[in-house]
Amino acid sequence: MVSILLSIAFIIVSAIIDFEVLEFSYIYDHKSRFFQRALFFICLALFSYTGAIGGVLLFAALFDGTLNKLRGLEVLHLGNTAKWDIFFNNKPMLYICVKVICLFSGIFLCMI
């Protein structure tokens, strides 16, 4: 349960930070963001491996939608820059299925 709460708090804070950066510029380099997120989930893994994996799945399921809502877009909005978005652009049902599977798998793993 702690893994779920920590992950959701981290997702919200990460989305707010990205939203504030995107208001004034474009994110050209994702290395620092990736390092910050990897470090968080590595630290979470020190507490619980399954919680960390569940947290990563929750991040995959909820981060884009949270950032989209902050930006005033639809929750399931797909852009055309990120490789993830480009892949799913013509496959909306697959995108929704992947998000739902990540969400429920993440919750399940965090509850173990």
N, C-alpha and C. Protein backbone atom coordinates (compact mmCIF):
# COMPACT_ATOMS: atom_id res chain seq x y z
N MET A 1 0.83 -1.20 0.00
CA MET A 1 0.00 0.00 0.00
C MET A 1 0.87 1.26 0.00
N VAL A 2 1.95 1.23 0.75
CA VAL A 2 2.86 2.37 0.80
C VAL A 2 3.44 2.63 -0.58
N SER A 3 3.75 1.55 -1.32
CA SER A 3 4.31 1.70 -2.67
C SER A 3 3.34 2.43 -3.59
N ILE A 4 2.06 2.13 -3.47
CA ILE A 4 1.05 2.80 -4.30
C ILE A 4 1.02 4.29 -3.98
N LEU A 5 0.96 4.62 -2.70
CA LEU A 5 0.88 6.03 -2.30
C LEU A 5 2.13 6.80 -2.71
N LEU A 6 3.30 6.22 -2.48
CA LEU A 6 4.54 6.88 -2.88
C LEU A 6 4.61 7.06 -4.39
N SER A 7 4.23 6.03 -5.13
CA SER A 7 4.28 6.10 -6.59
C SER A 7 3.33 7.15 -7.13
N ILE A 8 2.12 7.19 -6.61
CA ILE A 8 1.14 8.17 -7.08
C ILE A 8 1.60 9.60 -6.74
N ALA A 9 2.14 9.78 -5.55
CA ALA A 9 2.67 11.10 -5.19
C ALA A 9 3.81 11.49 -6.13
N PHE A 10 4.69 10.54 -6.43
CA PHE A 10 5.81 10.81 -7.33
C PHE A 10 5.32 11.12 -8.75
N ILE A 11 4.31 10.41 -9.21
CA ILE A 11 3.75 10.65 -10.54
C ILE A 11 3.18 12.06 -10.63
N ILE A 12 2.44 12.47 -9.61
CA ILE A 12 1.84 13.81 -9.61
C ILE A 12 2.93 14.89 -9.59
N VAL A 13 3.92 14.73 -8.73
CA VAL A 13 5.00 15.71 -8.65
C VAL A 13 5.78 15.77 -9.96
N SER A 14 6.06 14.61 -10.56
CA SER A 14 6.79 14.58 -11.84
C SER A 14 5.99 15.26 -12.94
N ALA A 15 4.68 15.02 -12.97
CA ALA A 15 3.84 15.66 -13.98
C ALA A 15 3.80 17.17 -13.80
N ILE A 16 3.73 17.62 -12.54
CA ILE A 16 3.71 19.06 -12.28
C ILE A 16 5.02 19.70 -12.72
N ILE A 17 6.14 19.06 -12.41
CA ILE A 17 7.45 19.58 -12.82
C ILE A 17 7.54 19.66 -14.34
N ASP A 18 7.15 18.57 -15.03
CA ASP A 18 7.19 18.58 -16.50
C ASP A 18 6.26 19.64 -17.08
N PHE A 19 5.08 19.81 -16.48
CA PHE A 19 4.13 20.82 -16.94
C PHE A 19 4.74 22.22 -16.83
N GLU A 20 5.38 22.50 -15.70
CA GLU A 20 5.97 23.82 -15.52
C GLU A 20 7.11 24.07 -16.50
N VAL A 21 7.89 23.02 -16.79
CA VAL A 21 8.97 23.17 -17.77
C VAL A 21 8.39 23.38 -19.16
N LEU A 22 7.35 22.62 -19.51
CA LEU A 22 6.75 22.71 -20.85
C LEU A 22 6.03 24.03 -21.08
N GLU A 23 5.66 24.73 -20.00
CA GLU A 23 5.02 26.04 -20.16
C GLU A 23 5.97 27.06 -20.77
N PHE A 24 7.25 26.92 -20.49
CA PHE A 24 8.22 27.93 -20.91
C PHE A 24 9.19 27.45 -21.98
N SER A 25 9.30 26.15 -22.17
CA SER A 25 10.25 25.65 -23.17
C SER A 25 9.90 24.23 -23.55
N TYR A 26 10.73 23.65 -24.38
CA TYR A 26 10.58 22.27 -24.82
C TYR A 26 11.64 21.44 -24.10
N ILE A 27 11.32 20.21 -23.75
CA ILE A 27 12.29 19.34 -23.08
C ILE A 27 13.13 18.65 -24.16
N TYR A 28 14.37 19.10 -24.30
CA TYR A 28 15.25 18.55 -25.34
C TYR A 28 16.00 17.32 -24.88
N ASP A 29 16.34 17.26 -23.62
CA ASP A 29 17.14 16.16 -23.11
C ASP A 29 16.38 15.49 -21.96
N HIS A 30 16.16 14.21 -22.10
CA HIS A 30 15.37 13.47 -21.11
C HIS A 30 16.25 12.71 -20.12
N LYS A 31 17.56 12.85 -20.21
CA LYS A 31 18.45 12.06 -19.36
C LYS A 31 18.26 12.37 -17.88
N SER A 32 18.18 13.63 -17.52
CA SER A 32 18.04 13.98 -16.11
C SER A 32 16.69 13.51 -15.56
N ARG A 33 15.65 13.62 -16.37
CA ARG A 33 14.33 13.15 -15.94
C ARG A 33 14.34 11.64 -15.76
N PHE A 34 14.97 10.93 -16.70
CA PHE A 34 15.05 9.48 -16.61
C PHE A 34 15.84 9.08 -15.35
N PHE A 35 16.96 9.77 -15.10
CA PHE A 35 17.79 9.46 -13.94
C PHE A 35 17.02 9.68 -12.64
N GLN A 36 16.29 10.78 -12.55
CA GLN A 36 15.49 11.08 -11.36
C GLN A 36 14.45 9.99 -11.13
N ARG A 37 13.76 9.57 -12.18
CA ARG A 37 12.72 8.56 -12.04
C ARG A 37 13.31 7.19 -11.73
N ALA A 38 14.42 6.87 -12.38
CA ALA A 38 15.08 5.59 -12.11
C ALA A 38 15.56 5.54 -10.66
N LEU A 39 16.12 6.64 -10.18
CA LEU A 39 16.61 6.70 -8.80
C LEU A 39 15.47 6.52 -7.81
N PHE A 40 14.32 7.12 -8.08
CA PHE A 40 13.17 6.96 -7.19
C PHE A 40 12.76 5.50 -7.11
N PHE A 41 12.63 4.83 -8.26
CA PHE A 41 12.17 3.45 -8.24
C PHE A 41 13.23 2.49 -7.73
N ILE A 42 14.50 2.83 -7.89
CA ILE A 42 15.56 2.02 -7.28
C ILE A 42 15.47 2.13 -5.76
N CYS A 43 15.25 3.33 -5.26
CA CYS A 43 15.08 3.52 -3.81
C CYS A 43 13.85 2.77 -3.31
N LEU A 44 12.79 2.78 -4.09
CA LEU A 44 11.58 2.05 -3.72
C LEU A 44 11.86 0.55 -3.72
N ALA A 45 12.72 0.09 -4.61
CA ALA A 45 13.08 -1.34 -4.67
C ALA A 45 13.83 -1.78 -3.42
N LEU A 46 14.52 -0.86 -2.75
CA LEU A 46 15.19 -1.21 -1.50
C LEU A 46 14.18 -1.61 -0.43
N PHE A 47 12.98 -1.07 -0.54
CA PHE A 47 11.90 -1.40 0.37
C PHE A 47 11.13 -2.63 -0.10
N SER A 48 10.84 -2.68 -1.41
CA SER A 48 10.05 -3.78 -1.96
C SER A 48 10.26 -3.87 -3.47
N TYR A 49 10.77 -5.02 -3.92
CA TYR A 49 10.97 -5.21 -5.36
C TYR A 49 9.66 -5.18 -6.12
N THR A 50 8.67 -5.89 -5.61
CA THR A 50 7.38 -5.91 -6.30
C THR A 50 6.72 -4.53 -6.27
N GLY A 51 6.93 -3.81 -5.17
CA GLY A 51 6.39 -2.45 -5.09
C GLY A 51 7.04 -1.53 -6.11
N ALA A 52 8.33 -1.71 -6.34
CA ALA A 52 9.03 -0.88 -7.33
C ALA A 52 8.56 -1.20 -8.74
N ILE A 53 8.42 -2.48 -9.04
CA ILE A 53 7.92 -2.86 -10.38
C ILE A 53 6.49 -2.36 -10.55
N GLY A 54 5.68 -2.51 -9.51
CA GLY A 54 4.31 -1.99 -9.56
C GLY A 54 4.29 -0.48 -9.74
N GLY A 55 5.21 0.21 -9.07
CA GLY A 55 5.31 1.66 -9.21
C GLY A 55 5.66 2.08 -10.62
N VAL A 56 6.58 1.35 -11.25
CA VAL A 56 6.94 1.63 -12.65
C VAL A 56 5.73 1.44 -13.55
N LEU A 57 4.97 0.37 -13.30
CA LEU A 57 3.77 0.13 -14.11
C LEU A 57 2.72 1.21 -13.86
N LEU A 58 2.57 1.64 -12.62
CA LEU A 58 1.65 2.75 -12.33
C LEU A 58 2.10 4.03 -13.02
N PHE A 59 3.41 4.26 -13.02
CA PHE A 59 3.95 5.44 -13.71
C PHE A 59 3.59 5.38 -15.19
N ALA A 60 3.79 4.21 -15.80
CA ALA A 60 3.47 4.04 -17.22
C ALA A 60 1.97 4.26 -17.48
N ALA A 61 1.15 3.85 -16.53
CA ALA A 61 -0.30 3.96 -16.72
C ALA A 61 -0.83 5.37 -16.47
N LEU A 62 -0.24 6.10 -15.52
CA LEU A 62 -0.86 7.35 -15.07
C LEU A 62 -0.13 8.64 -15.44
N PHE A 63 1.16 8.58 -15.70
CA PHE A 63 1.91 9.82 -15.90
C PHE A 63 1.42 10.63 -17.10
N ASP A 64 1.30 10.00 -18.26
CA ASP A 64 0.90 10.74 -19.47
C ASP A 64 -0.47 11.40 -19.30
N GLY A 65 -1.42 10.65 -18.74
CA GLY A 65 -2.75 11.21 -18.52
C GLY A 65 -2.75 12.38 -17.55
N THR A 66 -1.94 12.26 -16.49
CA THR A 66 -1.83 13.34 -15.51
C THR A 66 -1.24 14.59 -16.16
N LEU A 67 -0.16 14.41 -16.91
CA LEU A 67 0.46 15.55 -17.60
C LEU A 67 -0.50 16.15 -18.62
N ASN A 68 -1.22 15.31 -19.35
CA ASN A 68 -2.19 15.81 -20.33
C ASN A 68 -3.28 16.65 -19.66
N LYS A 69 -3.80 16.19 -18.51
CA LYS A 69 -4.84 16.96 -17.81
C LYS A 69 -4.29 18.31 -17.34
N LEU A 70 -3.05 18.32 -16.85
CA LEU A 70 -2.44 19.58 -16.42
C LEU A 70 -2.29 20.55 -17.59
N ARG A 71 -2.03 20.00 -18.78
CA ARG A 71 -1.85 20.82 -19.97
C ARG A 71 -3.17 21.20 -20.63
N GLY A 72 -4.29 20.70 -20.09
CA GLY A 72 -5.60 21.02 -20.65
C GLY A 72 -5.97 20.17 -21.84
N LEU A 73 -5.32 19.04 -21.99
CA LEU A 73 -5.60 18.13 -23.10
C LEU A 73 -6.47 16.97 -22.61
N GLU A 74 -6.93 16.15 -23.55
CA GLU A 74 -7.66 14.95 -23.18
C GLU A 74 -6.72 14.00 -22.46
N VAL A 75 -7.25 13.19 -21.56
CA VAL A 75 -6.43 12.25 -20.79
C VAL A 75 -5.66 11.30 -21.71
N LEU A 76 -6.30 10.82 -22.75
CA LEU A 76 -5.68 9.85 -23.65
C LEU A 76 -5.06 10.50 -24.89
N HIS A 77 -4.76 11.79 -24.81
CA HIS A 77 -4.14 12.49 -25.94
C HIS A 77 -2.78 11.89 -26.26
N LEU A 78 -2.53 11.67 -27.54
CA LEU A 78 -1.23 11.19 -28.01
C LEU A 78 -0.61 12.25 -28.91
N GLY A 79 0.60 12.63 -28.58
CA GLY A 79 1.31 13.60 -29.40
C GLY A 79 1.95 12.92 -30.60
N ASN A 80 2.89 13.61 -31.22
CA ASN A 80 3.58 13.01 -32.36
C ASN A 80 5.09 13.22 -32.27
N THR A 81 5.60 13.33 -31.04
CA THR A 81 7.04 13.49 -30.84
C THR A 81 7.65 12.26 -30.19
N ALA A 82 7.09 11.84 -29.06
CA ALA A 82 7.64 10.70 -28.33
C ALA A 82 7.42 9.40 -29.12
N LYS A 83 8.38 8.52 -29.05
CA LYS A 83 8.28 7.24 -29.76
C LYS A 83 7.06 6.45 -29.30
N TRP A 84 6.78 6.51 -28.00
CA TRP A 84 5.60 5.84 -27.42
C TRP A 84 4.33 6.37 -28.11
N ASP A 85 4.21 7.68 -28.24
CA ASP A 85 3.03 8.28 -28.86
C ASP A 85 2.94 7.95 -30.34
N ILE A 86 4.06 7.98 -31.03
CA ILE A 86 4.07 7.67 -32.47
C ILE A 86 3.62 6.24 -32.70
N PHE A 87 4.12 5.31 -31.88
CA PHE A 87 3.74 3.91 -32.03
C PHE A 87 2.24 3.72 -31.85
N PHE A 88 1.65 4.37 -30.84
CA PHE A 88 0.24 4.15 -30.51
C PHE A 88 -0.72 5.08 -31.25
N ASN A 89 -0.23 6.02 -32.04
CA ASN A 89 -1.10 6.98 -32.71
C ASN A 89 -2.22 6.35 -33.51
N ASN A 90 -1.95 5.30 -34.23
CA ASN A 90 -2.97 4.65 -35.06
C ASN A 90 -3.57 3.42 -34.39
N LYS A 91 -3.28 3.24 -33.09
CA LYS A 91 -3.76 2.07 -32.37
C LYS A 91 -4.37 2.49 -31.02
N PRO A 92 -5.44 3.26 -31.04
CA PRO A 92 -5.97 3.77 -29.77
C PRO A 92 -6.48 2.67 -28.83
N MET A 93 -7.06 1.62 -29.36
CA MET A 93 -7.56 0.55 -28.48
C MET A 93 -6.41 -0.20 -27.83
N LEU A 94 -5.33 -0.41 -28.56
CA LEU A 94 -4.15 -1.04 -27.99
C LEU A 94 -3.56 -0.16 -26.89
N TYR A 95 -3.54 1.15 -27.13
CA TYR A 95 -3.03 2.11 -26.15
C TYR A 95 -3.84 2.03 -24.85
N ILE A 96 -5.15 2.01 -24.98
CA ILE A 96 -6.02 1.92 -23.80
C ILE A 96 -5.81 0.60 -23.08
N CYS A 97 -5.71 -0.49 -23.83
CA CYS A 97 -5.48 -1.81 -23.23
C CYS A 97 -4.16 -1.85 -22.47
N VAL A 98 -3.11 -1.30 -23.05
CA VAL A 98 -1.81 -1.28 -22.38
C VAL A 98 -1.89 -0.46 -21.10
N LYS A 99 -2.55 0.68 -21.14
CA LYS A 99 -2.69 1.53 -19.95
C LYS A 99 -3.47 0.80 -18.85
N VAL A 100 -4.56 0.13 -19.22
CA VAL A 100 -5.38 -0.59 -18.24
C VAL A 100 -4.60 -1.76 -17.64
N ILE A 101 -3.89 -2.50 -18.48
CA ILE A 101 -3.08 -3.62 -17.99
C ILE A 101 -2.00 -3.12 -17.05
N CYS A 102 -1.31 -2.03 -17.42
CA CYS A 102 -0.28 -1.46 -16.54
C CYS A 102 -0.89 -1.01 -15.21
N LEU A 103 -2.06 -0.39 -15.26
CA LEU A 103 -2.70 0.10 -14.05
C LEU A 103 -3.03 -1.04 -13.10
N PHE A 104 -3.73 -2.05 -13.58
CA PHE A 104 -4.13 -3.14 -12.70
C PHE A 104 -2.96 -4.01 -12.28
N SER A 105 -2.00 -4.22 -13.17
CA SER A 105 -0.81 -4.99 -12.79
C SER A 105 0.01 -4.22 -11.74
N GLY A 106 0.11 -2.91 -11.92
CA GLY A 106 0.83 -2.09 -10.95
C GLY A 106 0.17 -2.12 -9.58
N ILE A 107 -1.13 -1.99 -9.53
CA ILE A 107 -1.84 -2.05 -8.26
C ILE A 107 -1.64 -3.42 -7.61
N PHE A 108 -1.78 -4.48 -8.39
CA PHE A 108 -1.60 -5.82 -7.89
C PHE A 108 -0.21 -6.02 -7.29
N LEU A 109 0.82 -5.63 -8.04
CA LEU A 109 2.19 -5.83 -7.56
C LEU A 109 2.50 -4.98 -6.33
N CYS A 110 1.92 -3.80 -6.26
CA CYS A 110 2.14 -2.96 -5.07
C CYS A 110 1.44 -3.55 -3.84
N MET A 111 0.41 -4.30 -4.05
CA MET A 111 -0.34 -4.87 -2.93
C MET A 111 0.28 -6.17 -2.40
N ILE A 112 1.21 -6.75 -3.15
CA ILE A 112 1.84 -8.01 -2.70
C ILE A 112 2.73 -7.73 -1.52
